[in-house]
Every structure is written in C-alpha cells, then in structure tokens.
C-alpha cells in the first residue's frame, strides 16, 4: 500500500501523530518533500547527505546537527539550512520532533 501524503493546499498538523510517535513523510511533490522525524533521546542518525538543499526545524525537544563545519544545537522553534550534498549527522539530545524539508532538484515530473 502506498504511503498517503498531503495534497497541495491541504493543511498539515505537524504535531498530530494519531497517538503514535513515529517518523513519517508528510508531503511529496516532484521537487519537495516534508518529513516529520521523531527521535528518542540519545538516538543518532549517522552521517549522510542528500541531493538537494534541506532545512531541519526543531518542533519539540533538542537535537544536535553535526557537519564538517561544526555543530549546531536546535531547540524548539529553531531552524538550520544545509546546502545540497553537505554530509551531516543528527543526534537527539532529548526526545525530539524535527520537521525536515528536502528539495529534490533534477527529479523529473511524470507525464500524464
């Protein structure tokens, strides 16, 4: 079964999770993806990179973003942007929820 994403102009409740604290993809278009990332305290996403620019917006808890240029701590309401291809890792300093916005350059639109 395909994952259900929000449609254009459909409001998304970033804090709603149907009683389950899980990470999920909220929206996906040809050039944009929004993910709600839920991480328990101490959990680390190992270093990786993505093709497009991205933002990490802390909604709850605290997280540390590590790049070759250094570390950035995020608390609720804080946002950081990382350029395309920049290797980074993310560590939850406490139980946290992070809104990840990914651009997807070069992803071709499907003809209908």
PDB file of N, CA and C in Angstrom:
ATOM      1  N   UNK A   1       0.838  -1.171   0.000  1.00  0.00           N
ATOM      2  CA  UNK A   1       0.000   0.000   0.000  1.00  0.00           C
ATOM      3  C   UNK A   1       0.892   1.245   0.000  1.00  0.00           C
ATOM      4  N   UNK A   2       0.574   2.201  -0.847  1.00  0.00           N
ATOM      5  CA  UNK A   2       1.359   3.428  -0.955  1.00  0.00           C
ATOM      6  C   UNK A   2       1.110   4.324   0.255  1.00  0.00           C
ATOM      7  N   UNK A   3       2.162   5.041   0.644  1.00  0.00           N
ATOM      8  CA  UNK A   3       2.061   5.976   1.751  1.00  0.00           C
ATOM      9  C   UNK A   3       1.210   7.156   1.325  1.00  0.00           C
ATOM     10  N   UNK A   4       0.236   7.538   2.151  1.00  0.00           N
ATOM     11  CA  UNK A   4      -0.621   8.672   1.838  1.00  0.00           C
ATOM     12  C   UNK A   4       0.068   9.966   2.244  1.00  0.00           C
ATOM     13  N   UNK A   5       0.181  10.888   1.306  1.00  0.00           N
ATOM     14  CA  UNK A   5       0.776  12.199   1.549  1.00  0.00           C
ATOM     15  C   UNK A   5      -0.315  13.259   1.479  1.00  0.00           C
ATOM     16  N   UNK A   6      -0.046  14.404   2.059  1.00  0.00           N
ATOM     17  CA  UNK A   6      -0.964  15.529   1.941  1.00  0.00           C
ATOM     18  C   UNK A   6      -0.975  16.006   0.489  1.00  0.00           C
ATOM     19  N   UNK A   7      -2.063  16.630   0.120  1.00  0.00           N
ATOM     20  CA  UNK A   7      -2.212  17.204  -1.213  1.00  0.00           C
ATOM     21  C   UNK A   7      -1.890  18.694  -1.161  1.00  0.00           C
ATOM     22  N   UNK A   8      -1.585  19.301  -2.309  1.00  0.00           N
ATOM     23  CA  UNK A   8      -1.395  20.751  -2.313  1.00  0.00           C
ATOM     24  C   UNK A   8      -2.613  21.450  -1.710  1.00  0.00           C
ATOM     25  N   UNK A   9      -2.371  22.503  -0.947  1.00  0.00           N
ATOM     26  CA  UNK A   9      -3.386  23.313  -0.273  1.00  0.00           C
ATOM     27  C   UNK A   9      -4.100  22.587   0.857  1.00  0.00           C
ATOM     28  N   UNK A  10      -3.646  21.397   1.235  1.00  0.00           N
ATOM     29  CA  UNK A  10      -4.212  20.662   2.369  1.00  0.00           C
ATOM     30  C   UNK A  10      -3.386  20.988   3.612  1.00  0.00           C
ATOM     31  N   UNK A  11      -4.050  21.469   4.667  1.00  0.00           N
ATOM     32  CA  UNK A  11      -3.352  21.815   5.904  1.00  0.00           C
ATOM     33  C   UNK A  11      -2.818  20.546   6.573  1.00  0.00           C
ATOM     34  N   UNK A  12      -1.620  20.655   7.150  1.00  0.00           N
ATOM     35  CA  UNK A  12      -0.982  19.536   7.837  1.00  0.00           C
ATOM     36  C   UNK A  12      -0.760  19.938   9.294  1.00  0.00           C
ATOM     37  N   UNK A  13      -1.223  19.104  10.227  1.00  0.00           N
ATOM     38  CA  UNK A  13      -0.959  19.341  11.647  1.00  0.00           C
ATOM     39  C   UNK A  13       0.368  18.679  11.980  1.00  0.00           C
ATOM     40  N   UNK A  14       1.409  19.467  12.181  1.00  0.00           N
ATOM     41  CA  UNK A  14       2.748  18.929  12.411  1.00  0.00           C
ATOM     42  C   UNK A  14       2.875  18.186  13.733  1.00  0.00           C
ATOM     43  N   UNK A  15       2.000  18.480  14.676  1.00  0.00           N
ATOM     44  CA  UNK A  15       2.083  17.835  15.979  1.00  0.00           C
ATOM     45  C   UNK A  15       1.199  16.597  16.071  1.00  0.00           C
ATOM     46  N   UNK A  16       0.282  16.430  15.138  1.00  0.00           N
ATOM     47  CA  UNK A  16      -0.607  15.263  15.171  1.00  0.00           C
ATOM     48  C   UNK A  16       0.156  14.023  14.737  1.00  0.00           C
ATOM     49  N   UNK A  17      -0.050  12.956  15.446  1.00  0.00           N
ATOM     50  CA  UNK A  17       0.580  11.693  15.049  1.00  0.00           C
ATOM     51  C   UNK A  17      -0.303  10.508  15.408  1.00  0.00           C
ATOM     52  N   UNK A  18      -1.618  10.732  15.476  1.00  0.00           N
ATOM     53  CA  UNK A  18      -2.586   9.660  15.702  1.00  0.00           C
ATOM     54  C   UNK A  18      -2.237   8.806  16.917  1.00  0.00           C
ATOM     55  N   UNK A  19      -1.690   9.437  17.955  1.00  0.00           N
ATOM     56  CA  UNK A  19      -1.363   8.709  19.173  1.00  0.00           C
ATOM     57  C   UNK A  19      -0.064   7.929  19.102  1.00  0.00           C
ATOM     58  N   UNK A  20       0.585   7.923  17.947  1.00  0.00           N
ATOM     59  CA  UNK A  20       1.841   7.190  17.784  1.00  0.00           C
ATOM     60  C   UNK A  20       2.967   8.171  17.493  1.00  0.00           C
ATOM     61  N   UNK A  21       4.036   8.058  18.227  1.00  0.00           N
ATOM     62  CA  UNK A  21       5.198   8.913  17.994  1.00  0.00           C
ATOM     63  C   UNK A  21       6.091   8.235  16.965  1.00  0.00           C
ATOM     64  N   UNK A  22       5.785   8.459  15.685  1.00  0.00           N
ATOM     65  CA  UNK A  22       6.555   7.819  14.617  1.00  0.00           C
ATOM     66  C   UNK A  22       6.995   8.863  13.591  1.00  0.00           C
ATOM     67  N   UNK A  23       8.072   8.565  12.933  1.00  0.00           N
ATOM     68  CA  UNK A  23       8.531   9.400  11.831  1.00  0.00           C
ATOM     69  C   UNK A  23       7.695   9.069  10.604  1.00  0.00           C
ATOM     70  N   UNK A  24       7.402  10.097   9.798  1.00  0.00           N
ATOM     71  CA  UNK A  24       6.595   9.853   8.611  1.00  0.00           C
ATOM     72  C   UNK A  24       6.855  10.918   7.551  1.00  0.00           C
ATOM     73  N   UNK A  25       6.619  10.557   6.313  1.00  0.00           N
ATOM     74  CA  UNK A  25       6.667  11.510   5.217  1.00  0.00           C
ATOM     75  C   UNK A  25       5.300  12.176   5.142  1.00  0.00           C
ATOM     76  N   UNK A  26       5.272  13.505   5.198  1.00  0.00           N
ATOM     77  CA  UNK A  26       4.015  14.247   5.230  1.00  0.00           C
ATOM     78  C   UNK A  26       3.548  14.689   3.851  1.00  0.00           C
ATOM     79  N   UNK A  27       4.498  15.085   2.998  1.00  0.00           N
ATOM     80  CA  UNK A  27       4.171  15.662   1.706  1.00  0.00           C
ATOM     81  C   UNK A  27       5.295  15.352   0.741  1.00  0.00           C
ATOM     82  N   UNK A  28       4.913  15.033  -0.493  1.00  0.00           N
ATOM     83  CA  UNK A  28       5.939  14.791  -1.516  1.00  0.00           C
ATOM     84  C   UNK A  28       5.413  15.297  -2.846  1.00  0.00           C
ATOM     85  N   UNK A  29       6.217  16.151  -3.479  1.00  0.00           N
ATOM     86  CA  UNK A  29       5.925  16.615  -4.833  1.00  0.00           C
ATOM     87  C   UNK A  29       7.145  16.283  -5.677  1.00  0.00           C
ATOM     88  N   UNK A  30       7.147  16.768  -6.911  1.00  0.00           N
ATOM     89  CA  UNK A  30       8.292  16.499  -7.778  1.00  0.00           C
ATOM     90  C   UNK A  30       9.584  17.145  -7.291  1.00  0.00           C
ATOM     91  N   UNK A  31       9.468  18.223  -6.491  1.00  0.00           N
ATOM     92  CA  UNK A  31      10.673  18.947  -6.084  1.00  0.00           C
ATOM     93  C   UNK A  31      10.766  19.221  -4.595  1.00  0.00           C
ATOM     94  N   UNK A  32       9.861  18.660  -3.784  1.00  0.00           N
ATOM     95  CA  UNK A  32       9.824  18.970  -2.367  1.00  0.00           C
ATOM     96  C   UNK A  32       9.324  17.774  -1.575  1.00  0.00           C
ATOM     97  N   UNK A  33       9.942  17.538  -0.423  1.00  0.00           N
ATOM     98  CA  UNK A  33       9.446  16.513   0.490  1.00  0.00           C
ATOM     99  C   UNK A  33       9.522  17.047   1.915  1.00  0.00           C
ATOM    100  N   UNK A  34       8.455  16.823   2.683  1.00  0.00           N
ATOM    101  CA  UNK A  34       8.416  17.176   4.097  1.00  0.00           C
ATOM    102  C   UNK A  34       8.328  15.897   4.909  1.00  0.00           C
ATOM    103  N   UNK A  35       9.195  15.786   5.913  1.00  0.00           N
ATOM    104  CA  UNK A  35       9.215  14.615   6.788  1.00  0.00           C
ATOM    105  C   UNK A  35       9.088  15.072   8.234  1.00  0.00           C
ATOM    106  N   UNK A  36       8.305  14.349   9.034  1.00  0.00           N
ATOM    107  CA  UNK A  36       8.299  14.555  10.485  1.00  0.00           C
ATOM    108  C   UNK A  36       9.167  13.451  11.058  1.00  0.00           C
ATOM    109  N   UNK A  37      10.310  13.851  11.624  1.00  0.00           N
ATOM    110  CA  UNK A  37      11.283  12.913  12.168  1.00  0.00           C
ATOM    111  C   UNK A  37      11.144  12.891  13.688  1.00  0.00           C
ATOM    112  N   UNK A  38      10.815  11.747  14.238  1.00  0.00           N
ATOM    113  CA  UNK A  38      10.650  11.588  15.683  1.00  0.00           C
ATOM    114  C   UNK A  38      11.801  10.732  16.185  1.00  0.00           C
ATOM    115  N   UNK A  39      12.603  11.297  17.099  1.00  0.00           N
ATOM    116  CA  UNK A  39      13.788  10.592  17.596  1.00  0.00           C
ATOM    117  C   UNK A  39      13.782  10.536  19.119  1.00  0.00           C
ATOM    118  N   UNK A  40      14.020   9.364  19.704  1.00  0.00           N
ATOM    119  CA  UNK A  40      14.152   9.275  21.161  1.00  0.00           C
ATOM    120  C   UNK A  40      15.506   9.823  21.599  1.00  0.00           C
ATOM    121  N   UNK A  41      15.575  10.281  22.829  1.00  0.00           N
ATOM    122  CA  UNK A  41      16.820  10.823  23.381  1.00  0.00           C
ATOM    123  C   UNK A  41      17.971   9.844  23.164  1.00  0.00           C
ATOM    124  N   UNK A  42      19.110  10.368  22.711  1.00  0.00           N
ATOM    125  CA  UNK A  42      20.298   9.552  22.505  1.00  0.00           C
ATOM    126  C   UNK A  42      20.398   8.910  21.133  1.00  0.00           C
ATOM    127  N   UNK A  43      19.307   8.902  20.358  1.00  0.00           N
ATOM    128  CA  UNK A  43      19.335   8.274  19.035  1.00  0.00           C
ATOM    129  C   UNK A  43      20.128   9.159  18.071  1.00  0.00           C
ATOM    130  N   UNK A  44      20.927   8.526  17.230  1.00  0.00           N
ATOM    131  CA  UNK A  44      21.732   9.250  16.249  1.00  0.00           C
ATOM    132  C   UNK A  44      21.429   8.752  14.847  1.00  0.00           C
ATOM    133  N   UNK A  45      21.235   9.688  13.929  1.00  0.00           N
ATOM    134  CA  UNK A  45      21.202   9.347  12.505  1.00  0.00           C
ATOM    135  C   UNK A  45      22.632   9.528  12.024  1.00  0.00           C
ATOM    136  N   UNK A  46      23.267   8.457  11.543  1.00  0.00           N
ATOM    137  CA  UNK A  46      24.676   8.562  11.144  1.00  0.00           C
ATOM    138  C   UNK A  46      24.875   9.539   9.990  1.00  0.00           C
ATOM    139  N   UNK A  47      26.107   9.930   9.797  1.00  0.00           N
ATOM    140  CA  UNK A  47      26.418  10.894   8.741  1.00  0.00           C
ATOM    141  C   UNK A  47      25.908  10.392   7.395  1.00  0.00           C
ATOM    142  N   UNK A  48      25.281  11.308   6.671  1.00  0.00           N
ATOM    143  CA  UNK A  48      24.753  11.027   5.343  1.00  0.00           C
ATOM    144  C   UNK A  48      24.632  12.365   4.615  1.00  0.00           C
ATOM    145  N   UNK A  49      24.196  12.337   3.370  1.00  0.00           N
ATOM    146  CA  UNK A  49      23.946  13.572   2.635  1.00  0.00           C
ATOM    147  C   UNK A  49      22.737  13.350   1.731  1.00  0.00           C
ATOM    148  N   UNK A  50      22.151  14.447   1.290  1.00  0.00           N
ATOM    149  CA  UNK A  50      21.027  14.387   0.352  1.00  0.00           C
ATOM    150  C   UNK A  50      21.362  15.256  -0.849  1.00  0.00           C
ATOM    151  N   UNK A  51      20.679  14.995  -1.957  1.00  0.00           N
ATOM    152  CA  UNK A  51      20.991  15.695  -3.214  1.00  0.00           C
ATOM    153  C   UNK A  51      20.603  17.169  -3.207  1.00  0.00           C
ATOM    154  N   UNK A  52      19.521  17.504  -2.530  1.00  0.00           N
ATOM    155  CA  UNK A  52      19.043  18.882  -2.543  1.00  0.00           C
ATOM    156  C   UNK A  52      19.325  19.612  -1.246  1.00  0.00           C
ATOM    157  N   UNK A  53      18.998  20.904  -1.241  1.00  0.00           N
ATOM    158  CA  UNK A  53      19.070  21.681  -0.007  1.00  0.00           C
ATOM    159  C   UNK A  53      18.071  21.110   0.989  1.00  0.00           C
ATOM    160  N   UNK A  54      18.335  21.341   2.283  1.00  0.00           N
ATOM    161  CA  UNK A  54      17.385  20.879   3.291  1.00  0.00           C
ATOM    162  C   UNK A  54      17.352  21.827   4.468  1.00  0.00           C
ATOM    163  N   UNK A  55      16.231  21.807   5.179  1.00  0.00           N
ATOM    164  CA  UNK A  55      16.141  22.509   6.450  1.00  0.00           C
ATOM    165  C   UNK A  55      15.742  21.504   7.518  1.00  0.00           C
ATOM    166  N   UNK A  56      16.208  21.749   8.725  1.00  0.00           N
ATOM    167  CA  UNK A  56      15.837  20.974   9.906  1.00  0.00           C
ATOM    168  C   UNK A  56      15.233  21.971  10.884  1.00  0.00           C
ATOM    169  N   UNK A  57      13.957  21.804  11.198  1.00  0.00           N
ATOM    170  CA  UNK A  57      13.224  22.723  12.061  1.00  0.00           C
ATOM    171  C   UNK A  57      12.781  21.939  13.290  1.00  0.00           C
ATOM    172  N   UNK A  58      13.337  22.272  14.434  1.00  0.00           N
ATOM    173  CA  UNK A  58      13.023  21.564  15.674  1.00  0.00           C
ATOM    174  C   UNK A  58      11.640  21.999  16.171  1.00  0.00           C
ATOM    175  N   UNK A  59      10.740  21.038  16.290  1.00  0.00           N
ATOM    176  CA  UNK A  59       9.389  21.305  16.789  1.00  0.00           C
ATOM    177  C   UNK A  59       9.275  21.031  18.283  1.00  0.00           C
ATOM    178  N   UNK A  60      10.017  20.050  18.768  1.00  0.00           N
ATOM    179  CA  UNK A  60       9.975  19.671  20.190  1.00  0.00           C
ATOM    180  C   UNK A  60      11.296  19.018  20.558  1.00  0.00           C
ATOM    181  N   UNK A  61      11.701  19.155  21.823  1.00  0.00           N
ATOM    182  CA  UNK A  61      12.942  18.547  22.297  1.00  0.00           C
ATOM    183  C   UNK A  61      14.165  19.310  21.827  1.00  0.00           C
ATOM    184  N   UNK A  62      15.304  18.624  21.856  1.00  0.00           N
ATOM    185  CA  UNK A  62      16.558  19.238  21.435  1.00  0.00           C
ATOM    186  C   UNK A  62      17.367  18.251  20.614  1.00  0.00           C
ATOM    187  N   UNK A  63      18.080  18.785  19.611  1.00  0.00           N
ATOM    188  CA  UNK A  63      18.891  17.943  18.737  1.00  0.00           C
ATOM    189  C   UNK A  63      20.191  18.661  18.407  1.00  0.00           C
ATOM    190  N   UNK A  64      21.201  17.888  18.025  1.00  0.00           N
ATOM    191  CA  UNK A  64      22.496  18.419  17.620  1.00  0.00           C
ATOM    192  C   UNK A  64      22.739  17.999  16.181  1.00  0.00           C
ATOM    193  N   UNK A  65      23.077  18.968  15.342  1.00  0.00           N
ATOM    194  CA  UNK A  65      23.389  18.705  13.936  1.00  0.00           C
ATOM    195  C   UNK A  65      24.896  18.850  13.784  1.00  0.00           C
ATOM    196  N   UNK A  66      25.545  17.826  13.257  1.00  0.00           N
ATOM    197  CA  UNK A  66      26.999  17.853  13.064  1.00  0.00           C
ATOM    198  C   UNK A  66      27.323  17.874  11.577  1.00  0.00           C
ATOM    199  N   UNK A  67      28.178  18.816  11.186  1.00  0.00           N
ATOM    200  CA  UNK A  67      28.686  18.900   9.817  1.00  0.00           C
ATOM    201  C   UNK A  67      30.202  19.061   9.902  1.00  0.00           C
ATOM    202  N   UNK A  68      30.854  19.040   8.762  1.00  0.00           N
ATOM    203  CA  UNK A  68      32.304  19.252   8.750  1.00  0.00           C
ATOM    204  C   UNK A  68      32.654  20.639   9.291  1.00  0.00           C
ATOM    205  N   UNK A  69      31.733  21.590   9.180  1.00  0.00           N
ATOM    206  CA  UNK A  69      31.977  22.957   9.640  1.00  0.00           C
ATOM    207  C   UNK A  69      31.763  23.110  11.141  1.00  0.00           C
ATOM    208  N   UNK A  70      31.167  22.116  11.794  1.00  0.00           N
ATOM    209  CA  UNK A  70      30.939  22.199  13.227  1.00  0.00           C
ATOM    210  C   UNK A  70      29.575  21.670  13.630  1.00  0.00           C
ATOM    211  N   UNK A  71      29.173  22.002  14.861  1.00  0.00           N
ATOM    212  CA  UNK A  71      27.912  21.529  15.419  1.00  0.00           C
ATOM    213  C   UNK A  71      26.938  22.689  15.563  1.00  0.00           C
ATOM    214  N   UNK A  72      25.661  22.364  15.485  1.00  0.00           N
ATOM    215  CA  UNK A  72      24.594  23.337  15.670  1.00  0.00           C
ATOM    216  C   UNK A  72      23.542  22.681  16.559  1.00  0.00           C
ATOM    217  N   UNK A  73      23.238  23.295  17.687  1.00  0.00           N
ATOM    218  CA  UNK A  73      22.209  22.767  18.581  1.00  0.00           C
ATOM    219  C   UNK A  73      20.872  23.394  18.242  1.00  0.00           C
ATOM    220  N   UNK A  74      19.833  22.557  18.178  1.00  0.00           N
ATOM    221  CA  UNK A  74      18.484  23.029  17.876  1.00  0.00           C
ATOM    222  C   UNK A  74      17.575  22.805  19.074  1.00  0.00           C
ATOM    223  N   UNK A  75      16.802  23.826  19.413  1.00  0.00           N
ATOM    224  CA  UNK A  75      15.769  23.759  20.439  1.00  0.00           C
ATOM    225  C   UNK A  75      14.447  24.089  19.739  1.00  0.00           C
ATOM    226  N   UNK A  76      13.321  23.884  20.408  1.00  0.00           N
ATOM    227  CA  UNK A  76      12.032  24.154  19.762  1.00  0.00           C
ATOM    228  C   UNK A  76      11.978  25.558  19.145  1.00  0.00           C
ATOM    229  N   UNK A  77      11.527  25.599  17.892  1.00  0.00           N
ATOM    230  CA  UNK A  77      11.413  26.856  17.170  1.00  0.00           C
ATOM    231  C   UNK A  77      12.652  27.238  16.383  1.00  0.00           C
ATOM    232  N   UNK A  78      13.743  26.484  16.529  1.00  0.00           N
ATOM    233  CA  UNK A  78      14.979  26.802  15.810  1.00  0.00           C
ATOM    234  C   UNK A  78      15.057  25.996  14.515  1.00  0.00           C
ATOM    235  N   UNK A  79      15.696  26.600  13.514  1.00  0.00           N
ATOM    236  CA  UNK A  79      15.790  26.022  12.181  1.00  0.00           C
ATOM    237  C   UNK A  79      17.204  26.212  11.662  1.00  0.00           C
ATOM    238  N   UNK A  80      17.705  25.212  10.928  1.00  0.00           N
ATOM    239  CA  UNK A  80      19.001  25.341  10.266  1.00  0.00           C
ATOM    240  C   UNK A  80      18.846  24.842   8.831  1.00  0.00           C
ATOM    241  N   UNK A  81      19.561  25.491   7.905  1.00  0.00           N
ATOM    242  CA  UNK A  81      19.560  25.091   6.493  1.00  0.00           C
ATOM    243  C   UNK A  81      20.923  24.493   6.164  1.00  0.00           C
ATOM    244  N   UNK A  82      20.918  23.391   5.422  1.00  0.00           N
ATOM    245  CA  UNK A  82      22.153  22.763   4.961  1.00  0.00           C
ATOM    246  C   UNK A  82      22.123  22.708   3.437  1.00  0.00           C
ATOM    247  N   UNK A  83      23.221  23.083   2.783  1.00  0.00           N
ATOM    248  CA  UNK A  83      23.255  23.048   1.320  1.00  0.00           C
ATOM    249  C   UNK A  83      23.272  21.619   0.781  1.00  0.00           C
ATOM    250  N   UNK A  84      22.862  21.497  -0.457  1.00  0.00           N
ATOM    251  CA  UNK A  84      22.825  20.206  -1.144  1.00  0.00           C
ATOM    252  C   UNK A  84      24.167  19.496  -1.041  1.00  0.00           C
ATOM    253  N   UNK A  85      24.112  18.204  -0.745  1.00  0.00           N
ATOM    254  CA  UNK A  85      25.305  17.367  -0.723  1.00  0.00           C
ATOM    255  C   UNK A  85      26.161  17.470   0.524  1.00  0.00           C
ATOM    256  N   UNK A  86      25.827  18.358   1.469  1.00  0.00           N
ATOM    257  CA  UNK A  86      26.670  18.509   2.661  1.00  0.00           C
ATOM    258  C   UNK A  86      26.467  17.328   3.619  1.00  0.00           C
ATOM    259  N   UNK A  87      27.538  16.586   3.917  1.00  0.00           N
ATOM    260  CA  UNK A  87      27.416  15.483   4.877  1.00  0.00           C
ATOM    261  C   UNK A  87      27.044  16.027   6.255  1.00  0.00           C
ATOM    262  N   UNK A  88      26.109  15.332   6.901  1.00  0.00           N
ATOM    263  CA  UNK A  88      25.653  15.752   8.223  1.00  0.00           C
ATOM    264  C   UNK A  88      25.134  14.556   9.003  1.00  0.00           C
ATOM    265  N   UNK A  89      25.118  14.695  10.315  1.00  0.00           N
ATOM    266  CA  UNK A  89      24.551  13.689  11.212  1.00  0.00           C
ATOM    267  C   UNK A  89      23.642  14.433  12.181  1.00  0.00           C
ATOM    268  N   UNK A  90      22.692  13.714  12.770  1.00  0.00           N
ATOM    269  CA  UNK A  90      21.742  14.318  13.703  1.00  0.00           C
ATOM    270  C   UNK A  90      21.657  13.447  14.940  1.00  0.00           C
ATOM    271  N   UNK A  91      21.771  14.069  16.123  1.00  0.00           N
ATOM    272  CA  UNK A  91      21.681  13.335  17.385  1.00  0.00           C
ATOM    273  C   UNK A  91      20.620  13.986  18.254  1.00  0.00           C
ATOM    274  N   UNK A  92      19.714  13.178  18.781  1.00  0.00           N
ATOM    275  CA  UNK A  92      18.672  13.674  19.678  1.00  0.00           C
ATOM    276  C   UNK A  92      19.256  13.843  21.076  1.00  0.00           C
ATOM    277  N   UNK A  93      19.269  15.068  21.573  1.00  0.00           N
ATOM    278  CA  UNK A  93      19.750  15.330  22.931  1.00  0.00           C
ATOM    279  C   UNK A  93      18.668  15.002  23.955  1.00  0.00           C
ATOM    280  N   UNK A  94      17.422  15.075  23.521  1.00  0.00           N
ATOM    281  CA  UNK A  94      16.258  14.663  24.312  1.00  0.00           C
ATOM    282  C   UNK A  94      15.247  14.124  23.301  1.00  0.00           C
ATOM    283  N   UNK A  95      14.162  13.543  23.761  1.00  0.00           N
ATOM    284  CA  UNK A  95      13.125  13.119  22.820  1.00  0.00           C
ATOM    285  C   UNK A  95      12.783  14.329  21.956  1.00  0.00           C
ATOM    286  N   UNK A  96      12.830  14.172  20.643  1.00  0.00           N
ATOM    287  CA  UNK A  96      12.605  15.349  19.802  1.00  0.00           C
ATOM    288  C   UNK A  96      11.791  15.019  18.561  1.00  0.00           C
ATOM    289  N   UNK A  97      11.223  16.082  18.007  1.00  0.00           N
ATOM    290  CA  UNK A  97      10.491  16.025  16.744  1.00  0.00           C
ATOM    291  C   UNK A  97      11.078  17.112  15.855  1.00  0.00           C
ATOM    292  N   UNK A  98      11.483  16.723  14.642  1.00  0.00           N
ATOM    293  CA  UNK A  98      12.125  17.645  13.708  1.00  0.00           C
ATOM    294  C   UNK A  98      11.376  17.591  12.378  1.00  0.00           C
ATOM    295  N   UNK A  99      11.021  18.764  11.871  1.00  0.00           N
ATOM    296  CA  UNK A  99      10.440  18.853  10.534  1.00  0.00           C
ATOM    297  C   UNK A  99      11.587  18.993   9.544  1.00  0.00           C
ATOM    298  N   UNK A 100      11.702  18.042   8.634  1.00  0.00           N
ATOM    299  CA  UNK A 100      12.755  18.046   7.617  1.00  0.00           C
ATOM    300  C   UNK A 100      12.120  18.456   6.299  1.00  0.00           C
ATOM    301  N   UNK A 101      12.682  19.476   5.663  1.00  0.00           N
ATOM    302  CA  UNK A 101      12.221  19.918   4.348  1.00  0.00           C
ATOM    303  C   UNK A 101      13.350  19.662   3.364  1.00  0.00           C
ATOM    304  N   UNK A 102      13.079  18.848   2.356  1.00  0.00           N
ATOM    305  CA  UNK A 102      14.083  18.487   1.345  1.00  0.00           C
ATOM    306  C   UNK A 102      13.655  19.010  -0.016  1.00  0.00           C
ATOM    307  N   UNK A 103      14.582  19.658  -0.703  1.00  0.00           N
ATOM    308  CA  UNK A 103      14.325  19.983  -2.105  1.00  0.00           C
ATOM    309  C   UNK A 103      14.892  18.837  -2.928  1.00  0.00           C
ATOM    310  N   UNK A 104      14.286  18.592  -4.051  1.00  0.00           N
ATOM    311  CA  UNK A 104      14.712  17.465  -4.881  1.00  0.00           C
ATOM    312  C   UNK A 104      14.971  17.946  -6.298  1.00  0.00           C
ATOM    313  N   UNK A 105      16.115  18.593  -6.517  1.00  0.00           N
ATOM    314  CA  UNK A 105      16.423  19.093  -7.856  1.00  0.00           C
ATOM    315  C   UNK A 105      16.640  17.947  -8.824  1.00  0.00           C
ATOM    316  N   UNK A 106      16.256  18.171 -10.038  1.00  0.00           N
ATOM    317  CA  UNK A 106      16.509  17.177 -11.068  1.00  0.00           C
ATOM    318  C   UNK A 106      15.515  16.038 -11.105  1.00  0.00           C
ATOM    319  N   UNK A 107      14.558  16.032 -10.197  1.00  0.00           N
ATOM    320  CA  UNK A 107      13.546  14.988 -10.238  1.00  0.00           C
ATOM    321  C   UNK A 107      12.511  15.396 -11.273  1.00  0.00           C
ATOM    322  N   UNK A 108      12.398  14.633 -12.318  1.00  0.00           N
ATOM    323  CA  UNK A 108      11.531  14.996 -13.440  1.00  0.00           C
ATOM    324  C   UNK A 108      10.068  14.756 -13.108  1.00  0.00           C
ATOM    325  N   UNK A 109       9.235  15.643 -13.598  1.00  0.00           N
ATOM    326  CA  UNK A 109       7.790  15.474 -13.449  1.00  0.00           C
ATOM    327  C   UNK A 109       7.342  14.330 -14.351  1.00  0.00           C
ATOM    328  N   UNK A 110       6.384  13.561 -13.871  1.00  0.00           N
ATOM    329  CA  UNK A 110       5.872  12.439 -14.633  1.00  0.00           C
ATOM    330  C   UNK A 110       4.798  12.924 -15.594  1.00  0.00           C
ATOM    331  N   UNK A 111       4.890  12.522 -16.831  1.00  0.00           N
ATOM    332  CA  UNK A 111       3.876  12.888 -17.828  1.00  0.00           C
ATOM    333  C   UNK A 111       2.588  12.125 -17.554  1.00  0.00           C
ATOM    334  N   UNK A 112       1.468  12.783 -17.755  1.00  0.00           N
ATOM    335  CA  UNK A 112       0.184  12.104 -17.543  1.00  0.00           C
ATOM    336  C   UNK A 112      -0.539  11.882 -18.839  1.00  0.00           C
TER     337      UNK A 112
END
